[in-house]
Amino acid sequence: MNRLDIIDKLYFMLFEGELERVDKILRNVIKERENDFRAWLLLSMVKLRLHEAEKALDAINKALELNENSMEAWFLKSKILNVLGEYQEALDAINKAIEISMMQDDYEDPELLTEKASILVNLNRRNEAKGLIEKVLDVNPYDPDALELKKILEDVE
C-alpha cells in the first residue's frame, strides 16, 4: 500500500469511529514519514476526538510547519485552541483560515464563520457572533451548528 492509500484508509477508519486503532497505526506511519502533512493533520483530528487537546495542538502545529497555507489546518487549530480555552489564539487561527479560504475560493465559508462565531461567544463578543450567525443562516437557514449557536445566544439574553 502506498502512502496515500494508508492515509486515505485511516481517514475512512476515523470516520467509522475507530479512533484508538487509527491513533496506533498513525504513530507508526509518522515514525516512517515524519514530514507527511496529511498524517499530522489526521493525528490532530484523532487526538482532539480522543479528548487529548494538548497532543492535538502539538500535531496541528507540526502539520502547519509542513504546510502553513492549509485552511483545514488553521481551522482545526482554531477548534483545538477553543477547546483549550485559548480564545484569542483561536480567533487568530480562524481568521487565518478565513483569509486563506477567501484567497482560494473568494467566498466566506459558512463552517468557518460558525466556528468564528463560537469563539466570539467565548470571548463575550456576542453582537459580533450574532452578525456572523445571521450571515450563515442567510445562506443556509437550516445550518444545525449556526442554529445551535443562535439558540445559545438567545438563551443568554
N, C-alpha and C. Protein backbone atom coordinates (compact mmCIF):
# COMPACT_ATOMS: atom_id res chain seq x y z
N MET A 1 0.85 -1.18 0.00
CA MET A 1 0.00 0.00 0.00
C MET A 1 0.89 1.24 0.00
N ASN A 2 0.62 2.20 -0.88
CA ASN A 2 1.44 3.41 -0.87
C ASN A 2 0.95 4.38 0.20
N ARG A 3 1.71 5.45 0.37
CA ARG A 3 1.44 6.43 1.43
C ARG A 3 0.02 6.98 1.37
N LEU A 4 -0.43 7.41 0.20
CA LEU A 4 -1.77 7.97 0.09
C LEU A 4 -2.83 6.95 0.43
N ASP A 5 -2.61 5.72 0.02
CA ASP A 5 -3.60 4.69 0.32
C ASP A 5 -3.77 4.49 1.82
N ILE A 6 -2.69 4.44 2.57
CA ILE A 6 -2.80 4.20 4.01
C ILE A 6 -3.45 5.40 4.70
N ILE A 7 -3.09 6.61 4.32
CA ILE A 7 -3.69 7.78 4.94
C ILE A 7 -5.17 7.86 4.60
N ASP A 8 -5.51 7.60 3.34
CA ASP A 8 -6.92 7.59 2.95
C ASP A 8 -7.70 6.55 3.74
N LYS A 9 -7.13 5.37 3.90
CA LYS A 9 -7.80 4.32 4.65
C LYS A 9 -7.97 4.73 6.12
N LEU A 10 -6.97 5.39 6.68
CA LEU A 10 -7.06 5.84 8.07
C LEU A 10 -8.14 6.91 8.24
N TYR A 11 -8.27 7.79 7.25
CA TYR A 11 -9.36 8.78 7.30
C TYR A 11 -10.71 8.06 7.35
N PHE A 12 -10.88 7.06 6.50
CA PHE A 12 -12.11 6.30 6.47
C PHE A 12 -12.35 5.64 7.83
N MET A 13 -11.31 5.03 8.38
CA MET A 13 -11.43 4.37 9.68
C MET A 13 -11.80 5.38 10.78
N LEU A 14 -11.23 6.58 10.70
CA LEU A 14 -11.55 7.62 11.68
C LEU A 14 -13.04 7.93 11.65
N PHE A 15 -13.56 8.13 10.45
CA PHE A 15 -14.97 8.48 10.34
C PHE A 15 -15.90 7.30 10.64
N GLU A 16 -15.34 6.11 10.68
CA GLU A 16 -16.09 4.93 11.12
C GLU A 16 -16.01 4.77 12.64
N GLY A 17 -15.23 5.64 13.31
CA GLY A 17 -15.17 5.63 14.76
C GLY A 17 -14.05 4.80 15.36
N GLU A 18 -13.12 4.34 14.56
CA GLU A 18 -12.03 3.50 15.07
C GLU A 18 -10.86 4.36 15.56
N LEU A 19 -11.13 5.22 16.52
CA LEU A 19 -10.14 6.20 16.97
C LEU A 19 -8.86 5.58 17.49
N GLU A 20 -8.97 4.66 18.43
CA GLU A 20 -7.77 4.08 19.04
C GLU A 20 -6.91 3.35 18.01
N ARG A 21 -7.58 2.63 17.12
CA ARG A 21 -6.84 1.89 16.09
C ARG A 21 -6.12 2.84 15.13
N VAL A 22 -6.82 3.89 14.71
CA VAL A 22 -6.20 4.89 13.83
C VAL A 22 -5.03 5.55 14.53
N ASP A 23 -5.19 5.89 15.80
CA ASP A 23 -4.13 6.51 16.58
C ASP A 23 -2.88 5.63 16.59
N LYS A 24 -3.05 4.36 16.87
CA LYS A 24 -1.93 3.42 16.94
C LYS A 24 -1.22 3.29 15.58
N ILE A 25 -2.00 3.12 14.53
CA ILE A 25 -1.41 2.97 13.19
C ILE A 25 -0.70 4.26 12.77
N LEU A 26 -1.35 5.39 13.06
CA LEU A 26 -0.76 6.68 12.67
C LEU A 26 0.60 6.91 13.32
N ARG A 27 0.72 6.53 14.57
CA ARG A 27 2.02 6.72 15.25
C ARG A 27 3.12 5.98 14.51
N ASN A 28 2.82 4.78 13.99
CA ASN A 28 3.81 4.04 13.21
C ASN A 28 4.06 4.69 11.86
N VAL A 29 3.01 5.18 11.21
CA VAL A 29 3.17 5.85 9.92
C VAL A 29 4.05 7.08 10.07
N ILE A 30 3.81 7.85 11.12
CA ILE A 30 4.56 9.09 11.33
C ILE A 30 6.03 8.79 11.65
N LYS A 31 6.31 7.67 12.32
CA LYS A 31 7.71 7.30 12.57
C LYS A 31 8.46 7.14 11.25
N GLU A 32 7.78 6.58 10.26
CA GLU A 32 8.40 6.37 8.95
C GLU A 32 8.35 7.61 8.07
N ARG A 33 7.35 8.44 8.25
CA ARG A 33 7.13 9.60 7.38
C ARG A 33 6.87 10.84 8.23
N GLU A 34 7.89 11.30 8.92
CA GLU A 34 7.69 12.40 9.85
C GLU A 34 7.37 13.73 9.19
N ASN A 35 7.53 13.82 7.88
CA ASN A 35 7.20 15.05 7.17
C ASN A 35 5.94 14.93 6.32
N ASP A 36 5.05 14.05 6.71
CA ASP A 36 3.81 13.82 5.99
C ASP A 36 2.72 14.72 6.58
N PHE A 37 2.41 15.81 5.89
CA PHE A 37 1.42 16.77 6.37
C PHE A 37 0.08 16.12 6.68
N ARG A 38 -0.42 15.28 5.77
CA ARG A 38 -1.73 14.67 5.96
C ARG A 38 -1.76 13.77 7.19
N ALA A 39 -0.66 13.10 7.46
CA ALA A 39 -0.61 12.24 8.65
C ALA A 39 -0.71 13.07 9.92
N TRP A 40 0.01 14.18 9.97
CA TRP A 40 -0.04 15.06 11.15
C TRP A 40 -1.41 15.70 11.31
N LEU A 41 -2.02 16.10 10.19
CA LEU A 41 -3.36 16.68 10.24
C LEU A 41 -4.35 15.65 10.79
N LEU A 42 -4.26 14.44 10.29
CA LEU A 42 -5.14 13.38 10.76
C LEU A 42 -4.89 13.07 12.23
N LEU A 43 -3.63 13.03 12.64
CA LEU A 43 -3.32 12.77 14.04
C LEU A 43 -3.95 13.83 14.94
N SER A 44 -3.92 15.08 14.50
CA SER A 44 -4.53 16.13 15.32
C SER A 44 -6.04 15.92 15.44
N MET A 45 -6.69 15.48 14.37
CA MET A 45 -8.13 15.18 14.43
C MET A 45 -8.39 14.05 15.42
N VAL A 46 -7.58 13.00 15.33
CA VAL A 46 -7.75 11.84 16.22
C VAL A 46 -7.57 12.25 17.67
N LYS A 47 -6.50 12.97 17.95
CA LYS A 47 -6.22 13.37 19.33
C LYS A 47 -7.33 14.27 19.88
N LEU A 48 -7.87 15.15 19.05
CA LEU A 48 -8.96 16.01 19.50
C LEU A 48 -10.19 15.16 19.84
N ARG A 49 -10.50 14.18 19.00
CA ARG A 49 -11.66 13.32 19.25
C ARG A 49 -11.44 12.41 20.47
N LEU A 50 -10.17 12.14 20.78
CA LEU A 50 -9.85 11.34 21.97
C LEU A 50 -9.76 12.21 23.23
N HIS A 51 -10.11 13.49 23.09
CA HIS A 51 -10.07 14.45 24.19
C HIS A 51 -8.65 14.67 24.71
N GLU A 52 -7.69 14.60 23.80
CA GLU A 52 -6.29 14.87 24.12
C GLU A 52 -5.88 16.15 23.39
N ALA A 53 -6.46 17.27 23.83
CA ALA A 53 -6.32 18.53 23.10
C ALA A 53 -4.89 19.02 23.04
N GLU A 54 -4.13 18.83 24.09
CA GLU A 54 -2.72 19.28 24.07
C GLU A 54 -1.93 18.52 23.00
N LYS A 55 -2.15 17.22 22.91
CA LYS A 55 -1.48 16.42 21.89
C LYS A 55 -1.99 16.79 20.50
N ALA A 56 -3.28 17.10 20.41
CA ALA A 56 -3.85 17.55 19.13
C ALA A 56 -3.19 18.85 18.70
N LEU A 57 -2.94 19.74 19.65
CA LEU A 57 -2.28 21.01 19.34
C LEU A 57 -0.86 20.79 18.86
N ASP A 58 -0.13 19.89 19.52
CA ASP A 58 1.23 19.57 19.08
C ASP A 58 1.21 19.05 17.64
N ALA A 59 0.28 18.17 17.34
CA ALA A 59 0.20 17.58 16.00
C ALA A 59 -0.17 18.63 14.95
N ILE A 60 -1.12 19.51 15.27
CA ILE A 60 -1.53 20.50 14.28
C ILE A 60 -0.42 21.53 14.06
N ASN A 61 0.34 21.82 15.10
CA ASN A 61 1.47 22.74 14.92
C ASN A 61 2.52 22.13 13.99
N LYS A 62 2.74 20.82 14.12
CA LYS A 62 3.67 20.14 13.21
C LYS A 62 3.12 20.18 11.78
N ALA A 63 1.83 19.94 11.63
CA ALA A 63 1.22 19.99 10.30
C ALA A 63 1.40 21.38 9.69
N LEU A 64 1.22 22.42 10.50
CA LEU A 64 1.36 23.79 9.98
C LEU A 64 2.81 24.14 9.67
N GLU A 65 3.75 23.51 10.36
CA GLU A 65 5.16 23.69 9.97
C GLU A 65 5.38 23.16 8.56
N LEU A 66 4.68 22.10 8.23
CA LEU A 66 4.84 21.46 6.92
C LEU A 66 4.03 22.15 5.83
N ASN A 67 2.92 22.79 6.21
CA ASN A 67 2.08 23.48 5.22
C ASN A 67 1.34 24.61 5.91
N GLU A 68 1.97 25.78 5.93
CA GLU A 68 1.38 26.91 6.65
C GLU A 68 0.21 27.55 5.90
N ASN A 69 -0.05 27.13 4.69
CA ASN A 69 -1.14 27.70 3.90
C ASN A 69 -2.35 26.77 3.81
N SER A 70 -2.48 25.87 4.76
CA SER A 70 -3.61 24.94 4.77
C SER A 70 -4.76 25.55 5.56
N MET A 71 -5.84 25.84 4.85
CA MET A 71 -7.04 26.34 5.50
C MET A 71 -7.55 25.32 6.51
N GLU A 72 -7.53 24.04 6.13
CA GLU A 72 -8.03 22.99 7.02
C GLU A 72 -7.23 22.93 8.32
N ALA A 73 -5.91 23.08 8.22
CA ALA A 73 -5.08 23.02 9.42
C ALA A 73 -5.34 24.20 10.35
N TRP A 74 -5.47 25.40 9.78
CA TRP A 74 -5.77 26.57 10.61
C TRP A 74 -7.16 26.45 11.24
N PHE A 75 -8.11 25.92 10.48
CA PHE A 75 -9.46 25.70 11.01
C PHE A 75 -9.41 24.74 12.19
N LEU A 76 -8.71 23.63 12.01
CA LEU A 76 -8.60 22.65 13.09
C LEU A 76 -7.87 23.23 14.29
N LYS A 77 -6.83 24.02 14.03
CA LYS A 77 -6.10 24.65 15.15
C LYS A 77 -7.04 25.55 15.94
N SER A 78 -7.92 26.28 15.24
CA SER A 78 -8.86 27.15 15.96
C SER A 78 -9.79 26.33 16.85
N LYS A 79 -10.24 25.18 16.35
CA LYS A 79 -11.12 24.32 17.14
C LYS A 79 -10.39 23.80 18.39
N ILE A 80 -9.15 23.40 18.20
CA ILE A 80 -8.36 22.88 19.32
C ILE A 80 -8.13 23.96 20.37
N LEU A 81 -7.73 25.14 19.92
CA LEU A 81 -7.48 26.24 20.86
C LEU A 81 -8.76 26.66 21.57
N ASN A 82 -9.87 26.61 20.88
CA ASN A 82 -11.16 26.93 21.50
C ASN A 82 -11.46 25.94 22.63
N VAL A 83 -11.21 24.66 22.38
CA VAL A 83 -11.40 23.63 23.41
C VAL A 83 -10.48 23.88 24.60
N LEU A 84 -9.26 24.32 24.32
CA LEU A 84 -8.29 24.57 25.38
C LEU A 84 -8.54 25.88 26.14
N GLY A 85 -9.52 26.66 25.67
CA GLY A 85 -9.81 27.93 26.33
C GLY A 85 -8.89 29.06 25.93
N GLU A 86 -8.12 28.85 24.89
CA GLU A 86 -7.21 29.88 24.37
C GLU A 86 -7.95 30.65 23.27
N TYR A 87 -8.94 31.44 23.70
CA TYR A 87 -9.89 32.00 22.76
C TYR A 87 -9.28 33.04 21.81
N GLN A 88 -8.41 33.89 22.29
CA GLN A 88 -7.82 34.89 21.39
C GLN A 88 -6.94 34.21 20.34
N GLU A 89 -6.17 33.21 20.75
CA GLU A 89 -5.37 32.47 19.78
C GLU A 89 -6.27 31.70 18.81
N ALA A 90 -7.38 31.19 19.31
CA ALA A 90 -8.34 30.50 18.45
C ALA A 90 -8.91 31.47 17.41
N LEU A 91 -9.20 32.68 17.85
CA LEU A 91 -9.71 33.69 16.92
C LEU A 91 -8.67 34.03 15.86
N ASP A 92 -7.42 34.17 16.27
CA ASP A 92 -6.35 34.43 15.30
C ASP A 92 -6.26 33.30 14.28
N ALA A 93 -6.37 32.06 14.75
CA ALA A 93 -6.27 30.90 13.85
C ALA A 93 -7.45 30.84 12.88
N ILE A 94 -8.67 31.10 13.38
CA ILE A 94 -9.82 31.04 12.47
C ILE A 94 -9.77 32.19 11.47
N ASN A 95 -9.27 33.33 11.90
CA ASN A 95 -9.11 34.44 10.95
C ASN A 95 -8.12 34.09 9.85
N LYS A 96 -7.07 33.36 10.20
CA LYS A 96 -6.10 32.90 9.19
C LYS A 96 -6.77 31.91 8.24
N ALA A 97 -7.57 31.00 8.76
CA ALA A 97 -8.28 30.04 7.92
C ALA A 97 -9.22 30.77 6.96
N ILE A 98 -9.93 31.77 7.46
CA ILE A 98 -10.85 32.54 6.62
C ILE A 98 -10.08 33.29 5.54
N GLU A 99 -8.95 33.87 5.92
CA GLU A 99 -8.12 34.60 4.95
C GLU A 99 -7.67 33.66 3.81
N ILE A 100 -7.21 32.49 4.16
CA ILE A 100 -6.76 31.52 3.15
C ILE A 100 -7.94 31.07 2.30
N SER A 101 -9.07 30.81 2.93
CA SER A 101 -10.26 30.39 2.19
C SER A 101 -10.69 31.46 1.19
N MET A 102 -10.64 32.70 1.61
CA MET A 102 -11.03 33.80 0.72
C MET A 102 -10.08 33.90 -0.48
N MET A 103 -8.80 33.64 -0.26
CA MET A 103 -7.83 33.67 -1.37
C MET A 103 -8.07 32.52 -2.33
N GLN A 104 -8.47 31.37 -1.80
CA GLN A 104 -8.66 30.18 -2.63
C GLN A 104 -10.02 30.16 -3.32
N ASP A 105 -11.07 30.52 -2.58
CA ASP A 105 -12.42 30.33 -3.08
C ASP A 105 -13.21 31.61 -3.29
N ASP A 106 -12.71 32.71 -2.77
CA ASP A 106 -13.34 34.02 -2.92
C ASP A 106 -14.75 34.07 -2.34
N TYR A 107 -15.00 33.32 -1.27
CA TYR A 107 -16.26 33.45 -0.55
C TYR A 107 -16.03 33.04 0.90
N GLU A 108 -16.92 33.49 1.77
CA GLU A 108 -16.79 33.17 3.18
C GLU A 108 -17.50 31.85 3.47
N ASP A 109 -16.73 30.87 3.84
CA ASP A 109 -17.23 29.53 4.13
C ASP A 109 -18.09 29.56 5.39
N PRO A 110 -19.35 29.13 5.30
CA PRO A 110 -20.23 29.16 6.47
C PRO A 110 -19.70 28.38 7.68
N GLU A 111 -19.02 27.26 7.42
CA GLU A 111 -18.48 26.48 8.53
C GLU A 111 -17.41 27.28 9.29
N LEU A 112 -16.60 28.01 8.55
CA LEU A 112 -15.57 28.85 9.19
C LEU A 112 -16.23 29.98 9.97
N LEU A 113 -17.26 30.58 9.40
CA LEU A 113 -17.93 31.68 10.08
C LEU A 113 -18.62 31.20 11.35
N THR A 114 -19.18 30.01 11.32
CA THR A 114 -19.82 29.46 12.51
C THR A 114 -18.79 29.19 13.60
N GLU A 115 -17.64 28.67 13.21
CA GLU A 115 -16.58 28.44 14.20
C GLU A 115 -16.11 29.77 14.79
N LYS A 116 -15.96 30.78 13.95
CA LYS A 116 -15.57 32.10 14.45
C LYS A 116 -16.61 32.64 15.42
N ALA A 117 -17.89 32.46 15.09
CA ALA A 117 -18.96 32.91 16.00
C ALA A 117 -18.86 32.21 17.35
N SER A 118 -18.56 30.92 17.32
CA SER A 118 -18.42 30.16 18.56
C SER A 118 -17.29 30.73 19.42
N ILE A 119 -16.20 31.07 18.78
CA ILE A 119 -15.07 31.65 19.51
C ILE A 119 -15.45 33.02 20.06
N LEU A 120 -16.14 33.82 19.25
CA LEU A 120 -16.57 35.14 19.71
C LEU A 120 -17.51 35.05 20.91
N VAL A 121 -18.36 34.04 20.93
CA VAL A 121 -19.23 33.83 22.09
C VAL A 121 -18.36 33.61 23.33
N ASN A 122 -17.34 32.79 23.19
CA ASN A 122 -16.44 32.51 24.32
C ASN A 122 -15.65 33.74 24.75
N LEU A 123 -15.47 34.68 23.84
CA LEU A 123 -14.79 35.94 24.17
C LEU A 123 -15.78 37.02 24.64
N ASN A 124 -17.03 36.62 24.83
CA ASN A 124 -18.10 37.54 25.22
C ASN A 124 -18.31 38.67 24.23
N ARG A 125 -18.09 38.37 22.96
CA ARG A 125 -18.33 39.33 21.88
C ARG A 125 -19.57 38.87 21.13
N ARG A 126 -20.68 38.87 21.85
CA ARG A 126 -21.93 38.28 21.37
C ARG A 126 -22.53 38.99 20.15
N ASN A 127 -22.44 40.31 20.10
CA ASN A 127 -23.01 41.02 18.95
C ASN A 127 -22.31 40.64 17.65
N GLU A 128 -20.99 40.52 17.71
CA GLU A 128 -20.23 40.10 16.53
C GLU A 128 -20.62 38.67 16.14
N ALA A 129 -20.78 37.83 17.15
CA ALA A 129 -21.17 36.44 16.90
C ALA A 129 -22.54 36.39 16.24
N LYS A 130 -23.48 37.19 16.73
CA LYS A 130 -24.83 37.23 16.15
C LYS A 130 -24.78 37.61 14.68
N GLY A 131 -23.95 38.60 14.35
CA GLY A 131 -23.83 39.03 12.97
C GLY A 131 -23.34 37.91 12.06
N LEU A 132 -22.38 37.14 12.54
CA LEU A 132 -21.86 36.03 11.74
C LEU A 132 -22.91 34.93 11.59
N ILE A 133 -23.62 34.64 12.67
CA ILE A 133 -24.66 33.61 12.61
C ILE A 133 -25.75 34.02 11.61
N GLU A 134 -26.12 35.29 11.61
CA GLU A 134 -27.12 35.77 10.64
C GLU A 134 -26.63 35.57 9.21
N LYS A 135 -25.34 35.85 8.99
CA LYS A 135 -24.75 35.63 7.66
C LYS A 135 -24.87 34.18 7.23
N VAL A 136 -24.52 33.29 8.14
CA VAL A 136 -24.57 31.85 7.84
C VAL A 136 -26.00 31.42 7.56
N LEU A 137 -26.94 31.88 8.38
CA LEU A 137 -28.33 31.47 8.22
C LEU A 137 -28.97 32.10 6.99
N ASP A 138 -28.43 33.21 6.51
CA ASP A 138 -28.90 33.77 5.24
C ASP A 138 -28.58 32.83 4.09
N VAL A 139 -27.43 32.17 4.18
CA VAL A 139 -27.00 31.22 3.15
C VAL A 139 -27.74 29.89 3.31
N ASN A 140 -27.82 29.42 4.55
CA ASN A 140 -28.48 28.14 4.83
C ASN A 140 -29.28 28.26 6.12
N PRO A 141 -30.57 28.51 6.01
CA PRO A 141 -31.41 28.69 7.21
C PRO A 141 -31.51 27.45 8.09
N TYR A 142 -31.03 26.31 7.60
CA TYR A 142 -31.13 25.06 8.35
C TYR A 142 -29.78 24.57 8.88
N ASP A 143 -28.75 25.40 8.80
CA ASP A 143 -27.43 25.00 9.27
C ASP A 143 -27.52 24.64 10.75
N PRO A 144 -27.29 23.37 11.12
CA PRO A 144 -27.51 22.94 12.51
C PRO A 144 -26.57 23.62 13.51
N ASP A 145 -25.32 23.82 13.14
CA ASP A 145 -24.38 24.45 14.07
C ASP A 145 -24.74 25.92 14.30
N ALA A 146 -25.11 26.61 13.23
CA ALA A 146 -25.49 28.02 13.35
C ALA A 146 -26.78 28.14 14.17
N LEU A 147 -27.73 27.24 13.94
CA LEU A 147 -28.98 27.28 14.70
C LEU A 147 -28.73 27.02 16.18
N GLU A 148 -27.81 26.10 16.47
CA GLU A 148 -27.48 25.82 17.87
C GLU A 148 -26.85 27.04 18.54
N LEU A 149 -25.93 27.69 17.84
CA LEU A 149 -25.31 28.90 18.40
C LEU A 149 -26.33 30.01 18.56
N LYS A 150 -27.23 30.14 17.60
CA LYS A 150 -28.28 31.16 17.69
C LYS A 150 -29.11 30.95 18.95
N LYS A 151 -29.45 29.69 19.21
CA LYS A 151 -30.23 29.36 20.42
C LYS A 151 -29.44 29.70 21.68
N ILE A 152 -28.18 29.39 21.70
CA ILE A 152 -27.33 29.73 22.86
C ILE A 152 -27.34 31.23 23.10
N LEU A 153 -27.18 31.97 22.01
CA LEU A 153 -27.17 33.43 22.13
C LEU A 153 -28.51 33.96 22.63
N GLU A 154 -29.60 33.40 22.14
CA GLU A 154 -30.94 33.82 22.57
C GLU A 154 -31.19 33.47 24.03
N ASP A 155 -30.69 32.31 24.47
CA ASP A 155 -30.89 31.88 25.86
C ASP A 155 -30.14 32.76 26.84
N VAL A 156 -29.03 33.36 26.40
CA VAL A 156 -28.23 34.20 27.28
C VAL A 156 -28.89 35.55 27.51
N GLU A 157 -29.63 36.00 26.51
CA GLU A 157 -30.26 37.33 26.61
C GLU A 157 -31.32 37.43 27.65
